[in-house]
Amino acid sequence: MIKLEHLVKQYQNQRALDDVSVTFEDNQSTVIVGPSGSGKSTLLRTIDLLTHPDSGTMQIDDITVDFTKEISRKTVRAIRRKSGMVFQNWNLFPHLTVLQNITEAPRTVLKQSKAAAESRAYELLQSVGLAEYAAQYPTQLSGGQQQRISICRALAMGPEFLLLDEPTSALDPELETQVLRILEEIAAKGQAMVVVTHNMEFARLVADKIVFVEDGQVLFAGPVTEFFTTENQRIQNFLAGLSLA
């Protein structure tokens, strides 16, 4: 479980996080939604310590982080062992093959043997329909394929939580659908995920919980069914603004 309490993050004249408290449960998929610039990505990146709030605390299992104090490298490593981050633009190493991209961290960080790391990599590649691309380089793949490889790379570390920041924003609709279907399958297997996305159909299908953020504040955090049927006028307006009907 990830528990964030009273997070505050100020960027010059903008308060990206304004006394945010929210919990992400084990074995659940949580989707973070809200208008652009609302603080969604800042909240997500805090979990992996890519962003350091000015104050507040974070607890993941038995690890507690107080953001008013210096965070040790040991704590950073321990937190990042529990989470795997997938970015908007995949960030694969261009000089490494697909297989090497996936096995690099398990071999160097987890000290897995080459055989064990490659066995797991092929298993993951098979699950996303890309096993035959193991020897190719990222530049030889489409954006959708590269994003699926990025997801495999994150999962190869065995994270408790898979964190995804707008994972399909750089893809065209067809490739977006391919990646979202993969994430749906991963969620169905019980992998805990926290996803920032604008895709409400994906949120409706996959999320156990929705967190709605606006102006750095959490205005809703609850079951997906309650989110889409809420009488909260702001959320109703947000959803209406995403529909052509």
Protein backbone atom coordinates (compact mmCIF):
# COMPACT_ATOMS: atom_id res chain seq x y z
CA MET A 1 0.00 0.00 0.00
CA ILE A 2 1.14 3.55 -0.77
CA LYS A 3 -0.06 6.23 1.61
CA LEU A 4 0.55 9.90 0.80
CA GLU A 5 -0.34 12.51 3.40
CA HIS A 6 -0.47 16.32 3.26
CA LEU A 7 1.76 16.71 0.21
CA VAL A 8 2.63 20.27 -0.78
CA LYS A 9 4.68 21.19 -3.86
CA GLN A 10 5.15 24.77 -4.96
CA TYR A 11 6.55 25.78 -8.37
CA GLN A 12 7.11 29.56 -8.32
CA ASN A 13 3.54 30.91 -8.62
CA GLN A 14 1.84 27.53 -9.03
CA ARG A 15 0.99 25.10 -6.24
CA ALA A 16 1.16 21.74 -8.02
CA LEU A 17 0.18 19.79 -4.89
CA ASP A 18 -1.97 21.50 -2.28
CA ASP A 19 -2.28 19.41 0.90
CA VAL A 20 -2.84 16.17 -1.02
CA SER A 21 -3.63 12.98 0.90
CA VAL A 22 -4.45 9.77 -0.98
CA THR A 23 -3.93 6.02 -0.69
CA PHE A 24 -3.15 3.48 -3.41
CA GLU A 25 -4.05 -0.09 -2.49
CA ASP A 26 -2.18 -3.30 -3.30
CA ASN A 27 -3.46 -5.34 -6.26
CA GLN A 28 -5.65 -2.48 -7.46
CA SER A 29 -5.56 -0.28 -10.53
CA THR A 30 -5.90 3.41 -9.79
CA VAL A 31 -6.35 5.97 -12.56
CA ILE A 32 -5.51 9.61 -11.92
CA VAL A 33 -7.51 12.03 -14.05
CA GLY A 34 -8.10 15.75 -14.26
CA PRO A 35 -7.54 18.75 -16.52
CA SER A 36 -4.12 19.57 -17.94
CA GLY A 37 -1.79 21.19 -15.43
CA SER A 38 -3.81 19.95 -12.46
CA GLY A 39 -0.90 18.18 -10.71
CA LYS A 40 -1.55 14.61 -11.88
CA SER A 41 1.98 13.89 -13.09
CA THR A 42 3.53 15.64 -10.09
CA LEU A 43 1.53 13.35 -7.82
CA LEU A 44 2.55 10.23 -9.76
CA ARG A 45 6.23 11.18 -9.96
CA THR A 46 6.30 11.73 -6.20
CA ILE A 47 5.72 7.99 -5.67
CA ASP A 48 8.95 7.16 -7.53
CA LEU A 49 10.75 10.12 -5.91
CA LEU A 50 11.29 11.76 -9.29
CA THR A 51 9.57 14.76 -7.71
CA HIS A 52 10.21 15.83 -4.12
CA PRO A 53 7.33 17.73 -2.49
CA ASP A 54 8.21 20.55 -0.12
CA SER A 55 6.39 18.85 2.73
CA GLY A 56 4.24 15.85 3.56
CA THR A 57 4.95 12.16 3.99
CA MET A 58 4.82 8.96 1.96
CA GLN A 59 4.61 5.45 3.32
CA ILE A 60 5.16 2.35 1.18
CA ASP A 61 4.93 -0.83 3.21
CA ASP A 62 7.46 -0.37 6.03
CA ILE A 63 9.26 2.60 4.46
CA THR A 64 8.30 6.13 5.49
CA VAL A 65 9.56 9.27 3.75
CA ASP A 66 9.33 12.73 5.33
CA PHE A 67 9.72 15.23 2.51
CA THR A 68 10.87 17.98 4.84
CA LYS A 69 14.05 15.97 5.47
CA GLU A 70 16.86 14.75 3.25
CA ILE A 71 16.14 11.37 1.65
CA SER A 72 19.03 8.91 1.72
CA ARG A 73 20.17 7.04 -1.38
CA LYS A 74 19.34 3.81 0.41
CA THR A 75 15.73 4.92 0.84
CA VAL A 76 15.50 6.07 -2.79
CA ARG A 77 16.76 2.67 -3.98
CA ALA A 78 14.35 0.84 -1.69
CA ILE A 79 11.37 2.89 -2.91
CA ARG A 80 12.29 2.41 -6.56
CA ARG A 81 12.63 -1.33 -6.07
CA LYS A 82 8.92 -1.33 -5.20
CA SER A 83 7.77 0.70 -8.20
CA GLY A 84 8.34 0.65 -11.94
CA MET A 85 7.92 3.83 -13.99
CA VAL A 86 6.71 4.01 -17.59
CA PHE A 87 6.99 7.42 -19.23
CA GLN A 88 5.18 9.11 -22.11
CA ASN A 89 8.07 8.67 -24.54
CA TRP A 90 9.30 5.19 -23.52
CA ASN A 91 12.98 6.23 -22.99
CA LEU A 92 14.52 2.99 -24.24
CA PHE A 93 18.30 2.76 -24.67
CA PRO A 94 18.82 3.09 -28.45
CA HIS A 95 22.18 1.28 -28.44
CA LEU A 96 20.74 -1.83 -26.75
CA THR A 97 18.55 -4.49 -28.30
CA VAL A 98 15.03 -5.06 -27.05
CA LEU A 99 16.23 -8.03 -25.00
CA GLN A 100 19.12 -6.04 -23.53
CA ASN A 101 16.82 -3.13 -22.64
CA ILE A 102 14.65 -5.48 -20.60
CA THR A 103 17.43 -7.47 -18.93
CA GLU A 104 19.85 -4.63 -18.11
CA ALA A 105 18.30 -3.58 -14.78
CA PRO A 106 17.46 -7.09 -13.49
CA ARG A 107 21.06 -8.15 -14.12
CA THR A 108 22.76 -5.05 -12.69
CA VAL A 109 20.36 -4.09 -9.89
CA LEU A 110 18.77 -7.39 -8.89
CA LYS A 111 21.92 -9.39 -9.74
CA GLN A 112 19.94 -11.94 -11.72
CA SER A 113 21.83 -14.38 -13.89
CA LYS A 114 21.77 -13.78 -17.64
CA ALA A 115 19.72 -16.93 -18.14
CA ALA A 116 17.12 -15.98 -15.52
CA ALA A 117 16.82 -12.39 -16.76
CA GLU A 118 16.46 -13.47 -20.39
CA SER A 119 13.92 -16.16 -19.52
CA ARG A 120 11.75 -13.57 -17.78
CA ALA A 121 12.26 -11.10 -20.63
CA TYR A 122 11.07 -13.59 -23.24
CA GLU A 123 8.07 -14.41 -21.04
CA LEU A 124 7.14 -10.73 -20.90
CA LEU A 125 7.73 -10.21 -24.61
CA GLN A 126 5.49 -13.16 -25.36
CA SER A 127 2.75 -11.65 -23.19
CA VAL A 128 2.77 -8.44 -25.27
CA GLY A 129 3.12 -10.20 -28.62
CA LEU A 130 6.67 -9.05 -29.35
CA ALA A 131 8.85 -12.11 -28.72
CA GLU A 132 10.13 -12.10 -32.30
CA TYR A 133 11.57 -8.59 -31.86
CA ALA A 134 14.02 -9.47 -29.07
CA ALA A 135 17.14 -8.97 -31.22
CA GLN A 136 16.01 -5.71 -32.81
CA TYR A 137 16.82 -2.17 -31.71
CA PRO A 138 14.25 0.38 -30.52
CA THR A 139 14.59 2.54 -33.65
CA GLN A 140 13.43 -0.42 -35.72
CA LEU A 141 10.10 -0.53 -33.86
CA SER A 142 6.93 1.56 -33.97
CA GLY A 143 6.01 3.86 -31.11
CA GLY A 144 3.40 1.41 -29.88
CA GLN A 145 5.89 -1.44 -29.91
CA GLN A 146 8.47 0.65 -28.07
CA GLN A 147 5.93 1.52 -25.39
CA ARG A 148 5.08 -2.16 -24.93
CA ILE A 149 8.81 -2.85 -24.55
CA SER A 150 9.00 -0.06 -21.96
CA ILE A 151 6.21 -1.74 -20.01
CA CYS A 152 8.07 -5.07 -20.19
CA ARG A 153 11.22 -3.37 -18.92
CA ALA A 154 9.37 -2.00 -15.90
CA LEU A 155 7.67 -5.32 -15.14
CA ALA A 156 10.98 -7.21 -15.39
CA MET A 157 11.97 -5.65 -12.05
CA GLY A 158 8.96 -7.23 -10.34
CA PRO A 159 7.52 -3.96 -8.99
CA GLU A 160 4.73 -3.91 -6.44
CA PHE A 161 3.30 -0.90 -8.30
CA LEU A 162 3.52 -0.12 -12.00
CA LEU A 163 3.43 3.66 -12.51
CA LEU A 164 2.43 5.04 -15.91
CA ASP A 165 2.46 8.71 -16.85
CA GLU A 166 0.23 9.28 -19.90
CA PRO A 167 1.60 6.07 -21.49
CA THR A 168 -0.27 6.53 -24.77
CA SER A 169 -0.18 10.31 -25.26
CA ALA A 170 2.48 10.10 -28.00
CA LEU A 171 0.67 7.37 -29.96
CA ASP A 172 -1.94 7.47 -32.69
CA PRO A 173 -5.38 5.99 -31.82
CA GLU A 174 -4.70 2.51 -33.24
CA LEU A 175 -1.40 2.12 -31.39
CA GLU A 176 -2.96 3.62 -28.26
CA THR A 177 -5.61 0.90 -28.29
CA GLN A 178 -2.93 -1.81 -28.57
CA VAL A 179 -1.07 -0.52 -25.53
CA LEU A 180 -4.22 0.00 -23.47
CA ARG A 181 -5.30 -3.58 -24.17
CA ILE A 182 -1.95 -4.79 -22.83
CA LEU A 183 -2.44 -2.72 -19.68
CA GLU A 184 -5.95 -4.11 -19.29
CA GLU A 185 -4.52 -7.63 -19.39
CA ILE A 186 -1.82 -6.72 -16.85
CA ALA A 187 -4.42 -5.25 -14.50
CA ALA A 188 -6.57 -8.37 -14.83
CA LYS A 189 -3.64 -10.40 -13.47
CA GLY A 190 -3.66 -8.36 -10.25
CA GLN A 191 -0.68 -6.12 -10.92
CA ALA A 192 -1.15 -2.91 -8.96
CA MET A 193 -1.01 0.10 -11.27
CA VAL A 194 -1.26 3.85 -10.92
CA VAL A 195 -1.98 5.45 -14.29
CA VAL A 196 -2.26 9.08 -15.32
CA THR A 197 -4.43 9.24 -18.43
CA HIS A 198 -7.03 11.27 -20.30
CA ASN A 199 -8.64 8.13 -21.72
CA MET A 200 -11.92 7.80 -19.85
CA GLU A 201 -12.89 4.56 -21.61
CA PHE A 202 -9.71 2.96 -20.32
CA ALA A 203 -10.41 4.31 -16.84
CA ARG A 204 -13.92 2.92 -16.89
CA LEU A 205 -12.75 -0.53 -18.02
CA VAL A 206 -9.62 -0.98 -15.94
CA ALA A 207 -9.71 1.20 -12.83
CA ASP A 208 -10.72 -0.04 -9.42
CA LYS A 209 -10.32 3.49 -8.13
CA ILE A 210 -10.37 6.97 -9.67
CA VAL A 211 -8.48 9.95 -8.27
CA PHE A 212 -9.63 13.29 -9.71
CA VAL A 213 -7.13 16.13 -9.32
CA GLU A 214 -7.64 19.80 -10.04
CA ASP A 215 -5.52 22.81 -9.06
CA GLY A 216 -3.27 20.54 -7.04
CA GLN A 217 -6.10 19.16 -4.90
CA VAL A 218 -7.80 15.78 -4.82
CA LEU A 219 -11.49 16.44 -5.37
CA PHE A 220 -12.48 12.77 -5.61
CA ALA A 221 -10.89 9.47 -4.63
CA GLY A 222 -13.13 6.43 -4.76
CA PRO A 223 -14.56 3.52 -6.75
CA VAL A 224 -14.81 3.89 -10.50
CA THR A 225 -18.58 3.38 -10.52
CA GLU A 226 -19.08 6.24 -8.08
CA PHE A 227 -16.91 8.55 -10.17
CA PHE A 228 -18.92 8.09 -13.34
CA THR A 229 -22.25 8.45 -11.52
CA THR A 230 -21.29 11.22 -9.11
CA GLU A 231 -23.52 14.27 -8.66
CA ASN A 232 -20.42 16.44 -8.21
CA GLN A 233 -21.00 19.19 -10.76
CA ARG A 234 -17.31 19.82 -11.43
CA ILE A 235 -16.71 16.16 -12.31
CA GLN A 236 -19.85 16.07 -14.43
CA ASN A 237 -18.59 19.11 -16.34
CA PHE A 238 -15.18 17.49 -16.78
CA LEU A 239 -16.66 14.30 -18.20
CA ALA A 240 -19.04 16.24 -20.43
CA GLY A 241 -16.12 18.20 -21.81
CA LEU A 242 -14.51 14.97 -23.01
CA SER A 243 -17.60 13.82 -24.90
CA LEU A 244 -18.85 14.82 -28.34
CA ALA A 245 -22.42 13.87 -27.44
